[in-house]
């Protein structure tokens, strides 16, 4: 390890100036801390001086000597002679004090950087580095960010400066945030802002994954750059959804529901598939999909940073879904793990300046209610999700309740479940099948309420108008 940087002359000079004139303490901008001093004795003297001055008491060689004598530590700091020496060698000009403080904080930051670099080097050289390189990189970045760099580390601006910066971005025509392009949702929320955590919550088969893939496609089509972390679906599940949606949207391509690709006798023309692939290449070139096994926050951030580097920037991250992620803290109660994950996603959104959309499963207890619409209290295993999220969208399909009812009655006899009741239930399901409710359960900057969309699960498509309903062009025998 190289010699650590320090400047004892700056430390003693600053302390002497404070002991001679307590007003000099104000000149260090309040950023200097005892731990910034290389010599721990100097740090202790500075701490006592600051404590006395903040208590409206004089801090000079006499009072500081009395303080240490009262605690039995006067000998530990070099006695009264050391305090007198500090005063004798104090700089005559107050302007030197600020320079001394800057030297002390800078040297402290350099020492911390060197120590952190040695720790990172040791971790990278360890036998476990091969399997944990993403965690090491993310931890290294977090360690460096946590280093106290003194007065220069502040990111605070006056409210006027922030306002001027925001006005400039508007004047230059910069796009502020991400609009969903769904009329009702955009009217309610305006746009999702960089640094925000958006939670899409719902039961299984509620349509939350469909909404997530639709947002990813719409944003990528607009040229926005994104990372889609899919812990639930692999390549063979994601790609058919994208192809199917394209086939429905593009009049030049014969439409087919994505489930048909699961059948050996799908009977879909190869030219149709190639056309979908070509269209996907053109439309979604700015979207990267990661089908890695469930990740920790550190591993996810490592992958996200790789996408940002590959794309030359990043606008959004979609996580499907939060409850499949792994907490880094080992075996703990599940609600504590979820709290770590939700906080980590929000923290990542703010630090990277991206919109993070995370899917979340709601509590199974919702099935015991007459009305299965999501509520805030349904957030599964942790209330911290509700706390960390800027917006929570609860997804509800009215047809889903009837589908569950129909499934439960399938085994009943005609006497128990007459045909006319079966037909009525099936007809009601068909009428409700396109309906989807996006219920805003929380909006930090907006209003709560319900917005109505239309869903076509067979083609993995959600719209707020009738333009993307199942077309008559689908092949005979195709299942909707």
Protein backbone atom coordinates (compact mmCIF):
# COMPACT_ATOMS: atom_id res chain seq x y z
CA UNK A 1 0.00 0.00 0.00
CA UNK A 2 1.36 3.46 -0.90
CA UNK A 3 2.02 6.07 1.78
CA UNK A 4 -1.17 7.78 2.85
CA UNK A 5 -1.40 11.53 2.16
CA UNK A 6 -1.63 13.94 5.11
CA UNK A 7 -0.56 17.46 6.09
CA UNK A 8 0.10 17.98 9.79
CA UNK A 9 1.01 21.63 9.24
CA UNK A 10 -2.48 22.30 7.89
CA UNK A 11 -4.05 20.46 10.83
CA UNK A 12 -2.07 22.28 13.51
CA UNK A 13 -2.41 25.60 11.71
CA UNK A 14 -6.20 25.32 11.58
CA UNK A 15 -6.48 24.28 15.23
CA UNK A 16 -4.25 27.16 16.33
CA UNK A 17 -6.39 29.63 14.37
CA UNK A 18 -9.56 28.36 16.03
CA UNK A 19 -8.02 28.51 19.51
CA UNK A 20 -6.86 32.08 18.86
CA UNK A 21 -10.19 33.26 17.35
CA UNK A 22 -13.30 31.08 17.58
CA UNK A 23 -14.85 32.90 14.62
CA UNK A 24 -12.40 30.99 12.43
CA UNK A 25 -14.44 27.82 13.01
CA UNK A 26 -17.14 29.24 10.77
CA UNK A 27 -14.70 29.59 7.90
CA UNK A 28 -14.42 25.83 7.30
CA UNK A 29 -18.01 25.83 5.96
CA UNK A 30 -19.10 23.39 8.66
CA UNK A 31 -17.89 20.44 6.59
CA UNK A 32 -14.83 19.54 8.64
CA UNK A 33 -15.20 16.57 10.98
CA UNK A 34 -12.89 15.07 13.63
CA UNK A 35 -12.38 11.95 11.52
CA UNK A 36 -10.97 14.04 8.68
CA UNK A 37 -7.77 14.66 10.66
CA UNK A 38 -4.89 12.26 10.05
CA UNK A 39 -3.57 12.69 13.60
CA UNK A 40 -6.32 11.45 15.98
CA UNK A 41 -5.09 13.85 18.67
CA UNK A 42 -5.80 16.79 16.38
CA UNK A 43 -9.21 15.33 15.63
CA UNK A 44 -10.02 15.11 19.35
CA UNK A 45 -8.95 18.72 19.94
CA UNK A 46 -11.06 19.91 17.02
CA UNK A 47 -14.08 17.98 18.35
CA UNK A 48 -13.78 19.61 21.78
CA UNK A 49 -13.34 23.09 20.29
CA UNK A 50 -16.45 22.62 18.18
CA UNK A 51 -18.42 21.28 21.13
CA UNK A 52 -17.50 24.25 23.35
CA UNK A 53 -18.21 26.85 20.66
CA UNK A 54 -21.60 25.31 19.80
CA UNK A 55 -22.44 25.54 23.52
CA UNK A 56 -21.65 29.30 23.39
CA UNK A 57 -18.50 28.82 25.45
CA UNK A 58 -14.99 30.04 24.69
CA UNK A 59 -12.58 27.52 23.16
CA UNK A 60 -9.01 28.62 23.86
CA UNK A 61 -5.91 26.95 25.22
CA UNK A 62 -7.13 27.42 28.83
CA UNK A 63 -10.69 26.12 28.43
CA UNK A 64 -9.66 23.20 26.19
CA UNK A 65 -6.93 22.29 28.70
CA UNK A 66 -9.53 22.33 31.49
CA UNK A 67 -11.88 20.14 29.45
CA UNK A 68 -9.29 17.43 28.82
CA UNK A 69 -7.97 17.64 32.38
CA UNK A 70 -11.51 17.06 33.64
CA UNK A 71 -11.78 13.89 31.57
CA UNK A 72 -8.32 12.68 32.54
CA UNK A 73 -7.12 12.83 28.94
CA UNK A 74 -4.84 15.87 29.02
CA UNK A 75 -1.69 13.75 28.86
CA UNK A 76 -3.11 11.80 25.89
CA UNK A 77 -3.19 14.95 23.75
CA UNK A 78 0.32 16.11 24.64
CA UNK A 79 -0.55 18.26 27.62
CA UNK A 80 -0.89 22.02 27.94
CA UNK A 81 2.36 22.59 26.05
CA UNK A 82 0.88 21.16 22.86
CA UNK A 83 -2.11 23.48 23.07
CA UNK A 84 0.15 26.51 23.60
CA UNK A 85 2.29 25.43 20.65
CA UNK A 86 -0.82 25.31 18.45
CA UNK A 87 -1.68 28.90 19.37
CA UNK A 88 1.87 30.15 18.86
CA UNK A 89 2.06 28.64 15.34
CA UNK A 90 -1.39 29.83 14.28
CA UNK A 91 -1.58 31.68 10.91
CA UNK A 92 -2.01 35.42 11.13
CA UNK A 93 -4.50 35.63 8.25
CA UNK A 94 -7.99 34.14 8.53
CA UNK A 95 -7.99 33.40 4.80
CA UNK A 96 -5.54 30.57 5.47
CA UNK A 97 -8.10 28.73 7.59
CA UNK A 98 -10.37 27.88 4.66
CA UNK A 99 -7.39 26.63 2.66
CA UNK A 100 -6.22 24.48 5.56
CA UNK A 101 -9.71 22.98 5.91
CA UNK A 102 -9.76 22.14 2.19
CA UNK A 103 -6.36 20.45 2.45
CA UNK A 104 -7.48 18.35 5.44
CA UNK A 105 -10.74 17.18 3.83
CA UNK A 106 -9.06 16.47 0.49
CA UNK A 107 -6.29 14.40 2.08
CA UNK A 108 -8.89 12.48 4.09
CA UNK A 109 -10.85 11.70 0.92
CA UNK A 110 -7.66 10.57 -0.84
CA UNK A 111 -6.85 8.24 2.06
CA UNK A 112 -10.33 6.74 1.98
CA UNK A 113 -10.12 6.23 -1.79
CA UNK A 114 -6.79 4.44 -1.40
CA UNK A 115 -8.14 2.19 1.35
CA UNK A 116 -11.25 1.40 -0.67
CA UNK A 117 -9.16 0.67 -3.76
CA UNK A 118 -7.08 -1.84 -1.79
CA UNK A 119 -10.24 -3.55 -0.52
CA UNK A 120 -11.70 -3.69 -4.04
CA UNK A 121 -8.45 -5.10 -5.36
CA UNK A 122 -8.48 -7.80 -2.69
CA UNK A 123 -12.08 -8.73 -3.52
CA UNK A 124 -11.32 -8.89 -7.24
CA UNK A 125 -8.36 -11.19 -6.56
CA UNK A 126 -10.35 -13.57 -4.34
CA UNK A 127 -11.47 -17.00 -5.47
CA UNK A 128 -15.14 -15.94 -5.30
CA UNK A 129 -14.71 -13.06 -7.74
CA UNK A 130 -15.51 -15.22 -10.77
CA UNK A 131 -19.08 -15.78 -9.60
CA UNK A 132 -19.65 -12.38 -7.99
CA UNK A 133 -18.07 -9.88 -10.38
CA UNK A 134 -21.31 -7.87 -10.80
CA UNK A 135 -21.70 -7.64 -7.03
CA UNK A 136 -18.09 -6.55 -6.65
CA UNK A 137 -18.48 -3.81 -9.26
CA UNK A 138 -21.71 -2.50 -7.74
CA UNK A 139 -20.31 -2.66 -4.21
CA UNK A 140 -17.16 -0.86 -5.38
CA UNK A 141 -19.26 1.94 -6.85
CA UNK A 142 -21.32 2.18 -3.66
CA UNK A 143 -18.14 2.30 -1.56
CA UNK A 144 -16.67 5.10 -3.66
CA UNK A 145 -19.92 7.08 -3.57
CA UNK A 146 -20.03 6.78 0.22
CA UNK A 147 -16.63 8.43 0.70
CA UNK A 148 -16.94 11.77 2.47
CA UNK A 149 -15.21 14.27 0.20
CA UNK A 150 -15.89 17.29 2.39
CA UNK A 151 -17.28 20.61 1.26
CA UNK A 152 -16.96 19.82 -2.42
CA UNK A 153 -19.34 16.85 -2.12
CA UNK A 154 -22.53 18.86 -1.76
CA UNK A 155 -25.06 18.62 -4.59
CA UNK A 156 -27.43 21.15 -3.03
CA UNK A 157 -28.54 24.10 -5.15
CA UNK A 158 -30.69 27.10 -4.36
CA UNK A 159 -34.32 26.79 -5.37
CA UNK A 160 -33.72 29.51 -7.98
CA UNK A 161 -30.89 27.50 -9.53
CA UNK A 162 -33.03 24.38 -9.70
CA UNK A 163 -35.89 26.36 -11.22
CA UNK A 164 -33.61 27.90 -13.84
CA UNK A 165 -32.21 24.49 -14.77
CA UNK A 166 -35.71 23.03 -15.15
CA UNK A 167 -36.87 26.05 -17.20
CA UNK A 168 -33.86 25.65 -19.48
CA UNK A 169 -34.72 22.01 -20.16
CA UNK A 170 -38.28 23.03 -21.05
CA UNK A 171 -37.09 25.87 -23.26
CA UNK A 172 -34.79 23.51 -25.15
CA UNK A 173 -37.71 21.22 -25.86
CA UNK A 174 -36.35 18.33 -23.83
CA UNK A 175 -38.82 15.56 -23.13
CA UNK A 176 -39.63 15.49 -19.43
CA UNK A 177 -40.26 11.91 -18.35
CA UNK A 178 -41.93 8.97 -20.07
CA UNK A 179 -45.54 9.10 -21.17
CA UNK A 180 -47.31 5.75 -21.19
CA UNK A 181 -49.09 6.77 -24.45
CA UNK A 182 -52.33 5.52 -22.88
CA UNK A 183 -54.65 8.52 -22.96
CA UNK A 184 -56.33 7.93 -19.61
CA UNK A 185 -53.13 7.15 -17.71
CA UNK A 186 -51.26 10.10 -19.21
CA UNK A 187 -54.12 12.42 -18.34
CA UNK A 188 -53.91 11.24 -14.73
CA UNK A 189 -50.12 11.03 -14.27
CA UNK A 190 -48.68 13.22 -17.00
CA UNK A 191 -45.53 11.16 -17.34
CA UNK A 192 -43.26 8.93 -15.31
CA UNK A 193 -40.20 10.87 -14.17
CA UNK A 194 -36.56 9.76 -13.98
CA UNK A 195 -35.87 8.54 -10.46
CA UNK A 196 -39.40 7.23 -9.90
CA UNK A 197 -40.36 3.70 -8.90
CA UNK A 198 -43.59 2.53 -10.52
CA UNK A 199 -45.22 -0.62 -9.13
CA UNK A 200 -47.66 -2.64 -11.25
CA UNK A 201 -49.48 -4.97 -8.88
CA UNK A 202 -52.02 -7.68 -9.48
CA UNK A 203 -53.03 -11.30 -9.11
CA UNK A 204 -51.72 -14.06 -11.33
CA UNK A 205 -53.14 -13.75 -14.87
CA UNK A 206 -54.44 -10.25 -14.14
CA UNK A 207 -52.60 -8.71 -17.09
CA UNK A 208 -49.74 -6.98 -15.26
CA UNK A 209 -47.07 -8.68 -17.38
CA UNK A 210 -48.96 -7.72 -20.52
CA UNK A 211 -49.00 -4.08 -19.40
CA UNK A 212 -45.25 -4.24 -18.71
CA UNK A 213 -44.40 -5.68 -22.13
CA UNK A 214 -46.67 -3.12 -23.80
CA UNK A 215 -44.92 -0.24 -22.01
CA UNK A 216 -41.54 -1.66 -23.03
CA UNK A 217 -42.60 -1.95 -26.68
CA UNK A 218 -44.23 1.48 -26.80
CA UNK A 219 -41.26 3.22 -25.21
CA UNK A 220 -38.75 1.40 -27.42
CA UNK A 221 -40.83 2.30 -30.49
CA UNK A 222 -40.50 5.96 -29.38
CA UNK A 223 -36.71 5.52 -29.34
CA UNK A 224 -36.42 5.34 -25.56
CA UNK A 225 -33.66 3.09 -24.27
CA UNK A 226 -34.60 0.35 -21.86
CA UNK A 227 -33.59 -2.76 -19.94
CA UNK A 228 -36.18 -5.51 -19.35
CA UNK A 229 -35.23 -7.95 -16.57
CA UNK A 230 -37.41 -11.04 -17.02
CA UNK A 231 -37.17 -13.49 -14.14
CA UNK A 232 -40.42 -15.27 -14.95
CA UNK A 233 -40.30 -15.66 -18.75
CA UNK A 234 -37.55 -17.01 -20.98
CA UNK A 235 -36.83 -16.35 -24.65
CA UNK A 236 -39.45 -18.83 -25.81
CA UNK A 237 -42.15 -16.95 -23.88
CA UNK A 238 -41.14 -13.33 -24.51
CA UNK A 239 -40.48 -13.43 -28.25
CA UNK A 240 -43.84 -15.00 -29.24
CA UNK A 241 -45.59 -12.22 -27.31
CA UNK A 242 -43.69 -9.56 -29.25
CA UNK A 243 -44.26 -11.27 -32.61
CA UNK A 244 -47.95 -11.76 -31.93
CA UNK A 245 -48.45 -8.10 -30.96
CA UNK A 246 -46.65 -6.99 -34.11
CA UNK A 247 -48.82 -9.29 -36.24
CA UNK A 248 -51.93 -7.64 -34.80
CA UNK A 249 -50.65 -4.10 -35.23
CA UNK A 250 -49.25 -4.44 -38.76
CA UNK A 251 -51.94 -4.82 -41.46
CA UNK A 252 -49.35 -6.31 -43.81
CA UNK A 253 -48.81 -9.33 -41.51
CA UNK A 254 -51.29 -12.10 -40.86
CA UNK A 255 -52.30 -11.93 -37.20
CA UNK A 256 -51.78 -14.91 -34.90
CA UNK A 257 -52.16 -15.35 -31.10
CA UNK A 258 -48.84 -16.07 -29.44
CA UNK A 259 -50.00 -19.35 -27.87
CA UNK A 260 -50.16 -20.89 -31.34
CA UNK A 261 -46.38 -20.95 -31.44
CA UNK A 262 -46.44 -23.48 -28.60
CA UNK A 263 -48.09 -26.09 -30.83
CA UNK A 264 -46.21 -28.32 -33.23
CA UNK A 265 -48.97 -27.93 -35.81
CA UNK A 266 -49.16 -24.14 -35.42
CA UNK A 267 -49.34 -23.83 -39.22
CA UNK A 268 -47.93 -20.31 -39.25
CA UNK A 269 -46.21 -19.37 -42.47
CA UNK A 270 -42.46 -18.93 -42.04
CA UNK A 271 -42.64 -15.70 -44.05
CA UNK A 272 -45.01 -14.34 -41.40
CA UNK A 273 -42.53 -15.09 -38.62
CA UNK A 274 -39.66 -13.52 -40.57
CA UNK A 275 -41.77 -10.42 -41.21
CA UNK A 276 -42.46 -10.14 -37.46
CA UNK A 277 -38.78 -10.55 -36.67
CA UNK A 278 -37.78 -7.90 -39.21
CA UNK A 279 -40.37 -5.50 -37.82
CA UNK A 280 -39.15 -6.18 -34.27
CA UNK A 281 -35.56 -5.42 -35.29
CA UNK A 282 -36.65 -2.04 -36.63
CA UNK A 283 -39.04 -1.05 -33.86
CA UNK A 284 -37.35 -2.23 -30.69
CA UNK A 285 -33.62 -1.83 -31.33
CA UNK A 286 -33.26 0.26 -28.16
CA UNK A 287 -34.66 -2.43 -25.86
CA UNK A 288 -32.39 -4.98 -24.18
CA UNK A 289 -33.92 -8.05 -22.50
CA UNK A 290 -32.16 -10.03 -19.78
CA UNK A 291 -33.58 -13.49 -19.03
CA UNK A 292 -30.99 -14.24 -16.34
CA UNK A 293 -31.97 -16.17 -13.19
CA UNK A 294 -33.38 -14.06 -10.33
CA UNK A 295 -30.85 -11.41 -9.33
CA UNK A 296 -29.93 -9.34 -6.31
CA UNK A 297 -30.14 -5.56 -6.54
CA UNK A 298 -26.37 -5.43 -7.07
CA UNK A 299 -26.52 -7.97 -9.90
CA UNK A 300 -29.47 -6.20 -11.53
CA UNK A 301 -27.70 -2.84 -11.36
CA UNK A 302 -24.60 -4.40 -12.90
CA UNK A 303 -26.66 -5.69 -15.83
CA UNK A 304 -28.49 -2.35 -16.13
CA UNK A 305 -25.19 -0.47 -16.30
CA UNK A 306 -24.03 -2.80 -19.06
CA UNK A 307 -27.20 -2.01 -21.02
CA UNK A 308 -26.69 1.71 -20.47
CA UNK A 309 -23.17 1.43 -21.82
CA UNK A 310 -24.24 -0.67 -24.82
CA UNK A 311 -27.13 1.65 -25.71
CA UNK A 312 -25.32 4.90 -24.98
CA UNK A 313 -27.79 5.86 -22.25
CA UNK A 314 -30.87 4.49 -20.51
CA UNK A 315 -34.40 5.77 -19.90
CA UNK A 316 -36.22 2.92 -18.18
CA UNK A 317 -35.84 -0.43 -16.41
CA UNK A 318 -38.63 -2.99 -16.13
CA UNK A 319 -38.44 -5.80 -13.56
CA UNK A 320 -40.68 -8.86 -13.93
CA UNK A 321 -41.06 -9.34 -11.12
CA UNK A 322 -39.96 -7.99 -7.72
CA UNK A 323 -40.87 -11.02 -5.59
CA UNK A 324 -38.63 -13.27 -7.69
CA UNK A 325 -35.53 -11.20 -6.93
CA UNK A 326 -33.02 -12.34 -4.32
CA UNK A 327 -32.13 -10.29 -1.26
CA UNK A 328 -28.42 -9.99 -0.55
CA UNK A 329 -28.76 -10.14 3.22
CA UNK A 330 -29.07 -13.92 3.50
CA UNK A 331 -31.78 -15.78 5.39
CA UNK A 332 -34.16 -13.27 6.96
CA UNK A 333 -37.88 -12.82 7.31
CA UNK A 334 -39.40 -12.39 3.87
CA UNK A 335 -40.88 -8.96 4.55
CA UNK A 336 -37.40 -7.68 5.42
CA UNK A 337 -36.05 -9.08 2.17
CA UNK A 338 -38.82 -7.40 0.18
CA UNK A 339 -38.12 -4.13 2.02
CA UNK A 340 -34.47 -4.36 0.95
CA UNK A 341 -35.47 -5.02 -2.66
CA UNK A 342 -38.05 -2.23 -2.96
CA UNK A 343 -35.69 0.30 -1.38
CA UNK A 344 -32.90 -0.91 -3.66
CA UNK A 345 -35.03 -0.41 -6.77
CA UNK A 346 -36.02 3.11 -5.70
CA UNK A 347 -32.42 3.95 -4.85
CA UNK A 348 -31.23 2.64 -8.22
CA UNK A 349 -33.87 4.69 -10.03
CA UNK A 350 -32.69 7.89 -8.37
CA UNK A 351 -28.97 7.28 -8.73
CA UNK A 352 -29.13 6.21 -12.38
CA UNK A 353 -31.78 8.76 -13.32
CA UNK A 354 -34.15 6.21 -14.89
CA UNK A 355 -37.77 5.18 -14.52
CA UNK A 356 -38.00 1.78 -12.81
CA UNK A 357 -41.19 -0.23 -13.36
CA UNK A 358 -41.46 -3.29 -11.14
CA UNK A 359 -44.20 -5.89 -11.17
CA UNK A 360 -45.48 -7.16 -7.81
CA UNK A 361 -47.75 -9.98 -6.75
CA UNK A 362 -50.58 -9.06 -4.40
CA UNK A 363 -51.65 -11.07 -1.37
CA UNK A 364 -53.62 -14.23 -2.07
CA UNK A 365 -56.11 -13.18 0.60
CA UNK A 366 -57.73 -10.97 -2.04
CA UNK A 367 -59.45 -14.13 -3.29
CA UNK A 368 -61.52 -14.26 -0.11
CA UNK A 369 -63.18 -10.92 -0.84
CA UNK A 370 -66.30 -10.45 -2.93
CA UNK A 371 -64.52 -7.68 -4.82
CA UNK A 372 -61.07 -8.81 -5.98
CA UNK A 373 -59.94 -5.36 -7.07
CA UNK A 374 -56.46 -4.63 -5.66
CA UNK A 375 -56.13 -2.40 -2.62
CA UNK A 376 -53.10 -0.83 -0.97
CA UNK A 377 -53.29 -3.32 1.88
CA UNK A 378 -52.90 -6.18 -0.60
CA UNK A 379 -49.22 -5.46 -1.24
CA UNK A 380 -47.73 -8.86 -0.53
CA UNK A 381 -45.27 -9.39 2.35
CA UNK A 382 -44.19 -5.82 2.87
CA UNK A 383 -45.70 -2.39 3.38
CA UNK A 384 -42.33 -0.95 2.36
CA UNK A 385 -43.33 -1.35 -1.32
CA UNK A 386 -46.16 1.09 -0.71
CA UNK A 387 -43.73 3.46 1.01
CA UNK A 388 -40.98 3.34 -1.62
CA UNK A 389 -43.18 3.50 -4.72
CA UNK A 390 -44.03 6.81 -6.35
CA UNK A 391 -46.98 5.29 -8.22
CA UNK A 392 -48.79 2.00 -7.62
CA UNK A 393 -51.06 0.70 -10.38
CA UNK A 394 -53.36 -2.15 -9.38
CA UNK A 395 -54.36 -4.24 -12.41
CA UNK A 396 -57.78 -5.89 -12.47
CA UNK A 397 -59.64 -7.86 -15.13
CA UNK A 398 -63.38 -8.25 -14.37
CA UNK A 399 -63.47 -11.39 -16.52
CA UNK A 400 -60.86 -13.03 -14.30
CA UNK A 401 -63.31 -13.48 -11.41
CA UNK A 402 -65.83 -15.15 -13.72
CA UNK A 403 -63.12 -17.35 -15.26
CA UNK A 404 -62.25 -18.57 -11.75
CA UNK A 405 -65.94 -19.20 -11.07
CA UNK A 406 -66.32 -21.13 -14.32
CA UNK A 407 -63.26 -23.22 -13.57
CA UNK A 408 -64.64 -24.11 -10.14
CA UNK A 409 -67.96 -25.27 -11.64
CA UNK A 410 -66.52 -27.30 -14.51
CA UNK A 411 -66.81 -30.56 -12.59
CA UNK A 412 -70.46 -30.08 -11.58
CA UNK A 413 -73.24 -32.11 -13.10
CA UNK A 414 -75.86 -30.50 -15.42
CA UNK A 415 -78.29 -30.74 -12.52
CA UNK A 416 -75.98 -28.72 -10.24
CA UNK A 417 -74.88 -26.35 -13.02
CA UNK A 418 -77.55 -26.21 -15.75
CA UNK A 419 -76.55 -25.53 -19.36
CA UNK A 420 -78.38 -22.20 -19.51
CA UNK A 421 -76.35 -20.95 -16.51
CA UNK A 422 -73.16 -22.19 -18.18
CA UNK A 423 -74.00 -20.35 -21.42
CA UNK A 424 -74.89 -17.17 -19.53
CA UNK A 425 -71.60 -17.28 -17.62
CA UNK A 426 -69.57 -17.94 -20.77
CA UNK A 427 -71.35 -15.11 -22.59
CA UNK A 428 -70.65 -12.73 -19.71
CA UNK A 429 -66.98 -13.71 -19.73
CA UNK A 430 -66.74 -12.97 -23.46
CA UNK A 431 -68.31 -9.55 -22.97
CA UNK A 432 -65.95 -8.67 -20.12
CA UNK A 433 -62.81 -10.26 -21.62
CA UNK A 434 -61.51 -7.05 -23.30
CA UNK A 435 -61.98 -4.93 -20.18
CA UNK A 436 -59.03 -4.04 -17.94
CA UNK A 437 -58.92 -1.60 -15.05
CA UNK A 438 -55.72 0.25 -14.13
CA UNK A 439 -56.40 1.39 -10.58
CA UNK A 440 -54.04 4.06 -9.25
CA UNK A 441 -53.68 3.04 -5.60
CA UNK A 442 -50.98 5.61 -4.89
CA UNK A 443 -49.71 8.66 -6.76
CA UNK A 444 -47.14 10.78 -4.96
CA UNK A 445 -47.72 13.63 -7.45
CA UNK A 446 -51.22 12.91 -8.73
CA UNK A 447 -54.70 11.63 -8.04
CA UNK A 448 -55.87 8.13 -7.25
CA UNK A 449 -58.65 6.56 -9.29
CA UNK A 450 -59.53 3.99 -11.95
CA UNK A 451 -58.78 4.18 -15.66
CA UNK A 452 -60.31 1.78 -18.19
CA UNK A 453 -58.24 0.11 -20.89
CA UNK A 454 -58.84 -2.72 -23.35
CA UNK A 455 -56.81 -5.88 -23.26
CA UNK A 456 -56.30 -8.64 -25.79
CA UNK A 457 -54.36 -11.26 -23.85
CA UNK A 458 -54.20 -13.62 -26.81
CA UNK A 459 -52.06 -11.07 -28.67
CA UNK A 460 -50.36 -9.58 -25.57
CA UNK A 461 -51.84 -6.19 -26.38
CA UNK A 462 -53.40 -3.40 -24.32
CA UNK A 463 -54.94 -0.29 -25.85
CA UNK A 464 -57.25 2.53 -24.84
CA UNK A 465 -59.31 2.37 -28.05
CA UNK A 466 -60.74 -0.18 -30.48
CA UNK A 467 -57.96 -0.10 -33.03
CA UNK A 468 -56.23 -3.27 -31.86
CA UNK A 469 -59.11 -5.66 -31.28
CA UNK A 470 -58.85 -9.15 -32.74
CA UNK A 471 -59.07 -8.80 -36.51
CA UNK A 472 -61.14 -10.99 -38.74
CA UNK A 473 -57.95 -11.82 -40.62
CA UNK A 474 -56.83 -14.46 -38.12
CA UNK A 475 -56.66 -17.91 -39.60
CA UNK A 476 -59.56 -20.24 -39.25
CA UNK A 477 -59.33 -22.32 -36.12
CA UNK A 478 -57.03 -19.89 -34.33
CA UNK A 479 -57.78 -19.63 -30.64
CA UNK A 480 -58.36 -16.13 -29.27
